[in-house]
Amino acid sequence: MVVKSAKKDDCSAGTHAGVATSDLQEMHNHFRELIDAGMKSLAEKSGKDGLPAAPDTSTKAGEVPAPAPDGNVDSELQQQQKDADQTRGGSPAAGLGRRIGGQPNGRERRPQGFAPASDLIGGICNAAQN
């Protein structure tokens, strides 16, 4: 770490210093605590002791009203599901026996050089154990 600025009795600017990551994390946490305490104090003293009042942070309705919820979305989704079921052969489970590659039950075409996910997971687990 390089010191960018310093107080009179501290190490001078431009000095290279080694600092542990845990110490940096502790410094950062302490800095955040000081900021949080200062922000809390500022909020409590808003408009008092010479401090200006905080701006209004409430939200207001926009010029354009929010759209009304779609009342028939349930029926549209049900119709889409029925259409999908008919495309698969009439029942929700009809398409479950086919693989993404288009070949039935485990004989899917796989691009050359690709392994099934189960092979990859086994390799990762074995490497982690070694």
N, C-alpha and C. Protein backbone atom coordinates (compact mmCIF):
# COMPACT_ATOMS: atom_id res chain seq x y z
N MET A 1 0.85 -1.16 0.00
CA MET A 1 0.00 0.00 0.00
C MET A 1 0.91 1.23 0.00
N VAL A 2 0.49 2.29 -0.71
CA VAL A 2 1.24 3.53 -0.76
C VAL A 2 0.47 4.61 -0.01
N VAL A 3 1.15 5.32 0.88
CA VAL A 3 0.52 6.39 1.65
C VAL A 3 0.38 7.60 0.73
N LYS A 4 -0.86 8.09 0.57
CA LYS A 4 -1.12 9.23 -0.31
C LYS A 4 -1.04 10.56 0.43
N SER A 5 -1.48 10.59 1.67
CA SER A 5 -1.38 11.81 2.50
C SER A 5 -1.30 11.37 3.95
N ALA A 6 -0.75 12.22 4.79
CA ALA A 6 -0.54 11.83 6.18
C ALA A 6 -0.54 13.04 7.08
N LYS A 7 -0.74 12.78 8.37
CA LYS A 7 -0.63 13.84 9.38
C LYS A 7 0.84 14.05 9.69
N LYS A 8 1.12 15.09 10.43
CA LYS A 8 2.50 15.49 10.70
C LYS A 8 3.32 14.38 11.37
N ASP A 9 2.77 13.71 12.37
CA ASP A 9 3.53 12.71 13.13
C ASP A 9 3.40 11.29 12.58
N ASP A 10 2.69 11.10 11.45
CA ASP A 10 2.54 9.78 10.85
C ASP A 10 3.61 9.57 9.78
N CYS A 11 3.62 8.41 9.15
CA CYS A 11 4.58 8.18 8.08
C CYS A 11 4.27 9.13 6.92
N SER A 12 5.29 9.51 6.19
CA SER A 12 5.14 10.54 5.16
C SER A 12 4.46 10.00 3.91
N ALA A 13 3.89 10.90 3.12
CA ALA A 13 3.24 10.54 1.87
C ALA A 13 4.27 9.92 0.92
N GLY A 14 3.84 8.92 0.16
CA GLY A 14 4.72 8.24 -0.76
C GLY A 14 5.40 7.02 -0.16
N THR A 15 5.25 6.79 1.13
CA THR A 15 5.85 5.65 1.81
C THR A 15 5.09 4.37 1.43
N HIS A 16 5.82 3.30 1.17
CA HIS A 16 5.21 2.00 0.91
C HIS A 16 5.10 1.26 2.23
N ALA A 17 3.88 0.76 2.51
CA ALA A 17 3.65 0.06 3.78
C ALA A 17 2.90 -1.24 3.50
N GLY A 18 3.26 -2.28 4.20
CA GLY A 18 2.56 -3.56 4.10
C GLY A 18 1.45 -3.61 5.14
N VAL A 19 0.22 -3.91 4.69
CA VAL A 19 -0.93 -3.98 5.59
C VAL A 19 -1.68 -5.27 5.30
N ALA A 20 -2.01 -6.00 6.34
CA ALA A 20 -2.75 -7.25 6.19
C ALA A 20 -4.18 -6.96 5.73
N THR A 21 -4.73 -7.87 4.96
CA THR A 21 -6.10 -7.71 4.46
C THR A 21 -7.09 -7.60 5.61
N SER A 22 -6.88 -8.36 6.67
CA SER A 22 -7.79 -8.29 7.82
C SER A 22 -7.75 -6.91 8.47
N ASP A 23 -6.56 -6.28 8.51
CA ASP A 23 -6.46 -4.93 9.06
C ASP A 23 -7.17 -3.92 8.17
N LEU A 24 -7.03 -4.08 6.85
CA LEU A 24 -7.74 -3.19 5.93
C LEU A 24 -9.25 -3.34 6.09
N GLN A 25 -9.71 -4.57 6.25
CA GLN A 25 -11.15 -4.80 6.44
C GLN A 25 -11.63 -4.15 7.73
N GLU A 26 -10.85 -4.26 8.79
CA GLU A 26 -11.21 -3.64 10.07
C GLU A 26 -11.25 -2.12 9.94
N MET A 27 -10.28 -1.53 9.23
CA MET A 27 -10.28 -0.08 9.02
C MET A 27 -11.52 0.35 8.24
N HIS A 28 -11.85 -0.41 7.21
CA HIS A 28 -13.03 -0.09 6.41
C HIS A 28 -14.30 -0.18 7.25
N ASN A 29 -14.43 -1.25 8.04
CA ASN A 29 -15.61 -1.41 8.90
C ASN A 29 -15.73 -0.26 9.89
N HIS A 30 -14.62 0.15 10.49
CA HIS A 30 -14.64 1.27 11.43
C HIS A 30 -15.05 2.56 10.72
N PHE A 31 -14.52 2.78 9.54
CA PHE A 31 -14.87 3.95 8.75
C PHE A 31 -16.36 3.98 8.46
N ARG A 32 -16.94 2.82 8.08
CA ARG A 32 -18.38 2.74 7.80
C ARG A 32 -19.20 3.02 9.06
N GLU A 33 -18.73 2.54 10.22
CA GLU A 33 -19.43 2.81 11.47
C GLU A 33 -19.45 4.31 11.76
N LEU A 34 -18.33 4.98 11.53
CA LEU A 34 -18.27 6.43 11.75
C LEU A 34 -19.22 7.18 10.81
N ILE A 35 -19.27 6.76 9.56
CA ILE A 35 -20.18 7.40 8.60
C ILE A 35 -21.63 7.17 9.02
N ASP A 36 -21.97 5.94 9.39
CA ASP A 36 -23.34 5.63 9.81
C ASP A 36 -23.74 6.45 11.03
N ALA A 37 -22.84 6.57 12.01
CA ALA A 37 -23.13 7.35 13.21
C ALA A 37 -23.31 8.83 12.85
N GLY A 38 -22.48 9.34 11.96
CA GLY A 38 -22.61 10.73 11.54
C GLY A 38 -23.90 10.98 10.79
N MET A 39 -24.30 10.06 9.92
CA MET A 39 -25.56 10.21 9.19
C MET A 39 -26.76 10.15 10.13
N LYS A 40 -26.69 9.29 11.15
CA LYS A 40 -27.77 9.20 12.13
C LYS A 40 -27.87 10.50 12.91
N SER A 41 -26.73 11.03 13.34
CA SER A 41 -26.71 12.29 14.07
C SER A 41 -27.25 13.43 13.21
N LEU A 42 -26.87 13.47 11.96
CA LEU A 42 -27.34 14.50 11.05
C LEU A 42 -28.85 14.42 10.87
N ALA A 43 -29.39 13.20 10.75
CA ALA A 43 -30.83 13.03 10.60
C ALA A 43 -31.58 13.47 11.85
N GLU A 44 -31.02 13.16 13.03
CA GLU A 44 -31.67 13.54 14.29
C GLU A 44 -31.66 15.04 14.51
N LYS A 45 -30.61 15.72 14.05
CA LYS A 45 -30.46 17.16 14.28
C LYS A 45 -30.92 18.00 13.09
N SER A 46 -31.63 17.37 12.16
CA SER A 46 -32.08 18.08 10.97
C SER A 46 -32.93 19.30 11.35
N GLY A 47 -32.53 20.48 10.92
CA GLY A 47 -33.26 21.71 11.21
C GLY A 47 -32.99 22.29 12.58
N LYS A 48 -32.03 21.71 13.32
CA LYS A 48 -31.71 22.17 14.67
C LYS A 48 -30.23 22.53 14.74
N ASP A 49 -29.87 23.30 15.72
CA ASP A 49 -28.47 23.66 15.98
C ASP A 49 -27.77 24.23 14.75
N GLY A 50 -28.49 25.01 13.97
CA GLY A 50 -27.89 25.65 12.82
C GLY A 50 -27.80 24.79 11.58
N LEU A 51 -28.25 23.54 11.65
CA LEU A 51 -28.25 22.68 10.47
C LEU A 51 -29.51 22.92 9.65
N PRO A 52 -29.41 22.95 8.34
CA PRO A 52 -30.62 23.11 7.53
C PRO A 52 -31.50 21.86 7.61
N ALA A 53 -32.79 22.04 7.36
CA ALA A 53 -33.72 20.91 7.37
C ALA A 53 -33.43 20.02 6.16
N ALA A 54 -33.60 18.75 6.36
CA ALA A 54 -33.39 17.79 5.28
C ALA A 54 -34.48 17.97 4.23
N PRO A 55 -34.16 17.71 2.98
CA PRO A 55 -35.19 17.83 1.94
C PRO A 55 -36.27 16.77 2.10
N ASP A 56 -37.45 17.06 1.55
CA ASP A 56 -38.56 16.12 1.59
C ASP A 56 -38.23 14.93 0.69
N THR A 57 -38.26 13.74 1.24
CA THR A 57 -37.93 12.55 0.47
C THR A 57 -39.15 11.70 0.16
N SER A 58 -40.34 12.21 0.45
CA SER A 58 -41.54 11.41 0.17
C SER A 58 -41.78 11.35 -1.34
N THR A 59 -42.45 10.30 -1.76
CA THR A 59 -42.75 10.14 -3.18
C THR A 59 -44.13 10.70 -3.49
N LYS A 60 -44.30 11.13 -4.72
CA LYS A 60 -45.58 11.68 -5.16
C LYS A 60 -46.01 10.94 -6.41
N ALA A 61 -47.30 10.89 -6.62
CA ALA A 61 -47.83 10.23 -7.81
C ALA A 61 -47.36 10.97 -9.05
N GLY A 62 -47.09 10.25 -10.10
CA GLY A 62 -46.66 10.86 -11.35
C GLY A 62 -47.83 11.46 -12.11
N GLU A 63 -47.53 12.09 -13.23
CA GLU A 63 -48.57 12.71 -14.05
C GLU A 63 -49.41 11.66 -14.75
N VAL A 64 -48.80 10.54 -15.09
CA VAL A 64 -49.52 9.47 -15.77
C VAL A 64 -49.91 8.43 -14.73
N PRO A 65 -51.20 8.10 -14.67
CA PRO A 65 -51.61 7.09 -13.66
C PRO A 65 -51.05 5.71 -13.99
N ALA A 66 -50.91 4.91 -12.97
CA ALA A 66 -50.42 3.54 -13.14
C ALA A 66 -51.45 2.75 -13.94
N PRO A 67 -51.01 1.83 -14.79
CA PRO A 67 -51.97 1.04 -15.58
C PRO A 67 -52.75 0.08 -14.69
N ALA A 68 -53.95 -0.20 -15.13
CA ALA A 68 -54.80 -1.15 -14.39
C ALA A 68 -54.26 -2.56 -14.60
N PRO A 69 -54.39 -3.42 -13.61
CA PRO A 69 -53.92 -4.80 -13.78
C PRO A 69 -54.71 -5.51 -14.86
N ASP A 70 -54.07 -6.44 -15.55
CA ASP A 70 -54.71 -7.20 -16.61
C ASP A 70 -55.65 -8.22 -15.97
N GLY A 71 -56.93 -8.07 -16.20
CA GLY A 71 -57.93 -8.91 -15.54
C GLY A 71 -58.04 -10.30 -16.12
N ASN A 72 -57.62 -10.53 -17.37
CA ASN A 72 -57.82 -11.85 -17.96
C ASN A 72 -56.51 -12.60 -18.15
N VAL A 73 -55.50 -12.27 -17.40
CA VAL A 73 -54.21 -12.95 -17.56
C VAL A 73 -54.30 -14.43 -17.21
N ASP A 74 -55.13 -14.78 -16.22
CA ASP A 74 -55.27 -16.20 -15.85
C ASP A 74 -55.82 -17.02 -17.01
N SER A 75 -56.86 -16.51 -17.66
CA SER A 75 -57.45 -17.27 -18.77
C SER A 75 -56.48 -17.35 -19.95
N GLU A 76 -55.72 -16.30 -20.21
CA GLU A 76 -54.73 -16.33 -21.29
C GLU A 76 -53.66 -17.38 -21.02
N LEU A 77 -53.16 -17.44 -19.78
CA LEU A 77 -52.13 -18.43 -19.44
C LEU A 77 -52.68 -19.85 -19.54
N GLN A 78 -53.92 -20.05 -19.10
CA GLN A 78 -54.52 -21.38 -19.20
C GLN A 78 -54.68 -21.80 -20.66
N GLN A 79 -55.06 -20.85 -21.51
CA GLN A 79 -55.21 -21.16 -22.93
C GLN A 79 -53.86 -21.50 -23.56
N GLN A 80 -52.83 -20.77 -23.19
CA GLN A 80 -51.49 -21.06 -23.70
C GLN A 80 -51.04 -22.45 -23.26
N GLN A 81 -51.35 -22.82 -22.02
CA GLN A 81 -50.99 -24.15 -21.52
C GLN A 81 -51.72 -25.24 -22.31
N LYS A 82 -53.02 -25.01 -22.58
CA LYS A 82 -53.79 -25.99 -23.35
C LYS A 82 -53.21 -26.13 -24.76
N ASP A 83 -52.86 -25.00 -25.39
CA ASP A 83 -52.27 -25.04 -26.72
C ASP A 83 -50.95 -25.81 -26.71
N ALA A 84 -50.13 -25.59 -25.69
CA ALA A 84 -48.85 -26.29 -25.58
C ALA A 84 -49.07 -27.78 -25.38
N ASP A 85 -50.06 -28.15 -24.56
CA ASP A 85 -50.35 -29.56 -24.32
C ASP A 85 -50.80 -30.25 -25.61
N GLN A 86 -51.60 -29.57 -26.42
CA GLN A 86 -52.06 -30.14 -27.68
C GLN A 86 -50.90 -30.31 -28.65
N THR A 87 -49.96 -29.37 -28.65
CA THR A 87 -48.80 -29.45 -29.53
C THR A 87 -47.94 -30.65 -29.17
N ARG A 88 -47.84 -30.97 -27.86
CA ARG A 88 -47.03 -32.10 -27.42
C ARG A 88 -47.72 -33.43 -27.61
N GLY A 89 -48.99 -33.43 -27.91
CA GLY A 89 -49.66 -34.71 -28.13
C GLY A 89 -50.88 -34.90 -27.26
N GLY A 90 -51.36 -33.89 -26.62
CA GLY A 90 -52.62 -34.00 -25.91
C GLY A 90 -52.54 -34.07 -24.41
N SER A 91 -51.42 -34.45 -23.84
CA SER A 91 -51.36 -34.51 -22.38
C SER A 91 -50.12 -33.77 -21.89
N PRO A 92 -50.20 -33.21 -20.69
CA PRO A 92 -49.05 -32.47 -20.16
C PRO A 92 -47.79 -33.31 -20.07
N ALA A 93 -47.91 -34.64 -19.86
CA ALA A 93 -46.73 -35.48 -19.69
C ALA A 93 -46.22 -36.07 -21.00
N ALA A 94 -46.91 -35.80 -22.11
CA ALA A 94 -46.55 -36.44 -23.38
C ALA A 94 -45.15 -36.09 -23.84
N GLY A 95 -44.70 -34.89 -23.58
CA GLY A 95 -43.39 -34.48 -24.06
C GLY A 95 -42.25 -34.79 -23.11
N LEU A 96 -42.54 -35.39 -21.98
CA LEU A 96 -41.50 -35.60 -20.98
C LEU A 96 -40.52 -36.70 -21.34
N GLY A 97 -40.88 -37.64 -22.23
CA GLY A 97 -39.99 -38.73 -22.58
C GLY A 97 -38.96 -38.36 -23.63
N ARG A 98 -39.01 -37.17 -24.14
CA ARG A 98 -38.08 -36.76 -25.20
C ARG A 98 -37.00 -35.87 -24.61
N ARG A 99 -35.86 -35.90 -25.23
CA ARG A 99 -34.73 -35.10 -24.81
C ARG A 99 -34.63 -33.85 -25.68
N ILE A 100 -33.83 -32.91 -25.27
CA ILE A 100 -33.64 -31.67 -26.02
C ILE A 100 -33.12 -31.95 -27.41
N GLY A 101 -32.28 -32.93 -27.58
CA GLY A 101 -31.71 -33.24 -28.89
C GLY A 101 -32.72 -33.83 -29.86
N GLY A 102 -33.91 -34.15 -29.39
CA GLY A 102 -34.95 -34.64 -30.28
C GLY A 102 -35.01 -36.16 -30.38
N GLN A 103 -34.11 -36.86 -29.76
CA GLN A 103 -34.11 -38.32 -29.82
C GLN A 103 -34.75 -38.85 -28.54
N PRO A 104 -35.56 -39.90 -28.64
CA PRO A 104 -36.27 -40.39 -27.46
C PRO A 104 -35.35 -41.10 -26.46
N ASN A 105 -35.64 -40.88 -25.21
CA ASN A 105 -35.14 -41.65 -24.07
C ASN A 105 -33.65 -41.99 -24.08
N GLY A 106 -32.82 -41.00 -23.90
CA GLY A 106 -31.42 -41.23 -23.66
C GLY A 106 -30.56 -41.38 -24.89
N ARG A 107 -31.12 -41.38 -26.08
CA ARG A 107 -30.31 -41.51 -27.28
C ARG A 107 -30.19 -40.17 -28.00
N GLU A 108 -30.12 -39.11 -27.19
CA GLU A 108 -30.04 -37.77 -27.79
C GLU A 108 -28.72 -37.58 -28.52
N ARG A 109 -28.78 -36.77 -29.55
CA ARG A 109 -27.55 -36.45 -30.27
C ARG A 109 -26.82 -35.38 -29.49
N ARG A 110 -25.54 -35.58 -29.28
CA ARG A 110 -24.71 -34.66 -28.52
C ARG A 110 -23.59 -34.19 -29.44
N PRO A 111 -23.32 -32.87 -29.47
CA PRO A 111 -22.21 -32.41 -30.29
C PRO A 111 -20.92 -33.12 -29.88
N GLN A 112 -20.10 -33.41 -30.86
CA GLN A 112 -18.85 -34.11 -30.58
C GLN A 112 -18.00 -33.31 -29.61
N GLY A 113 -17.43 -33.99 -28.61
CA GLY A 113 -16.58 -33.32 -27.62
C GLY A 113 -17.31 -32.90 -26.37
N PHE A 114 -18.65 -33.10 -26.33
CA PHE A 114 -19.41 -32.73 -25.15
C PHE A 114 -19.73 -33.97 -24.34
N ALA A 115 -19.63 -33.85 -23.02
CA ALA A 115 -19.92 -34.97 -22.14
C ALA A 115 -21.21 -34.68 -21.40
N PRO A 116 -21.93 -35.72 -20.97
CA PRO A 116 -23.12 -35.49 -20.15
C PRO A 116 -22.73 -34.77 -18.84
N ALA A 117 -23.69 -33.99 -18.32
CA ALA A 117 -23.42 -33.24 -17.09
C ALA A 117 -23.03 -34.16 -15.94
N SER A 118 -23.58 -35.39 -15.89
CA SER A 118 -23.25 -36.30 -14.80
C SER A 118 -21.76 -36.67 -14.82
N ASP A 119 -21.19 -36.79 -16.03
CA ASP A 119 -19.76 -37.09 -16.13
C ASP A 119 -18.93 -35.92 -15.62
N LEU A 120 -19.36 -34.71 -15.97
CA LEU A 120 -18.62 -33.53 -15.54
C LEU A 120 -18.67 -33.36 -14.03
N ILE A 121 -19.84 -33.55 -13.44
CA ILE A 121 -19.99 -33.40 -11.99
C ILE A 121 -19.13 -34.42 -11.27
N GLY A 122 -19.11 -35.67 -11.76
CA GLY A 122 -18.27 -36.69 -11.14
C GLY A 122 -16.82 -36.31 -11.19
N GLY A 123 -16.38 -35.74 -12.31
CA GLY A 123 -14.98 -35.31 -12.43
C GLY A 123 -14.63 -34.20 -11.47
N ILE A 124 -15.55 -33.25 -11.29
CA ILE A 124 -15.32 -32.14 -10.37
C ILE A 124 -15.24 -32.66 -8.94
N CYS A 125 -16.16 -33.56 -8.58
CA CYS A 125 -16.15 -34.11 -7.22
C CYS A 125 -14.87 -34.90 -6.94
N ASN A 126 -14.44 -35.69 -7.93
CA ASN A 126 -13.21 -36.47 -7.75
C ASN A 126 -12.01 -35.56 -7.61
N ALA A 127 -11.94 -34.49 -8.38
CA ALA A 127 -10.82 -33.56 -8.29
C ALA A 127 -10.80 -32.86 -6.94
N ALA A 128 -11.99 -32.57 -6.39
CA ALA A 128 -12.05 -31.89 -5.10
C ALA A 128 -11.59 -32.79 -3.97
N GLN A 129 -11.82 -34.11 -4.11
CA GLN A 129 -11.41 -35.04 -3.07
C GLN A 129 -9.91 -35.30 -3.07
N ASN A 130 -9.27 -35.14 -4.22
CA ASN A 130 -7.82 -35.43 -4.31
C ASN A 130 -7.01 -34.32 -3.79
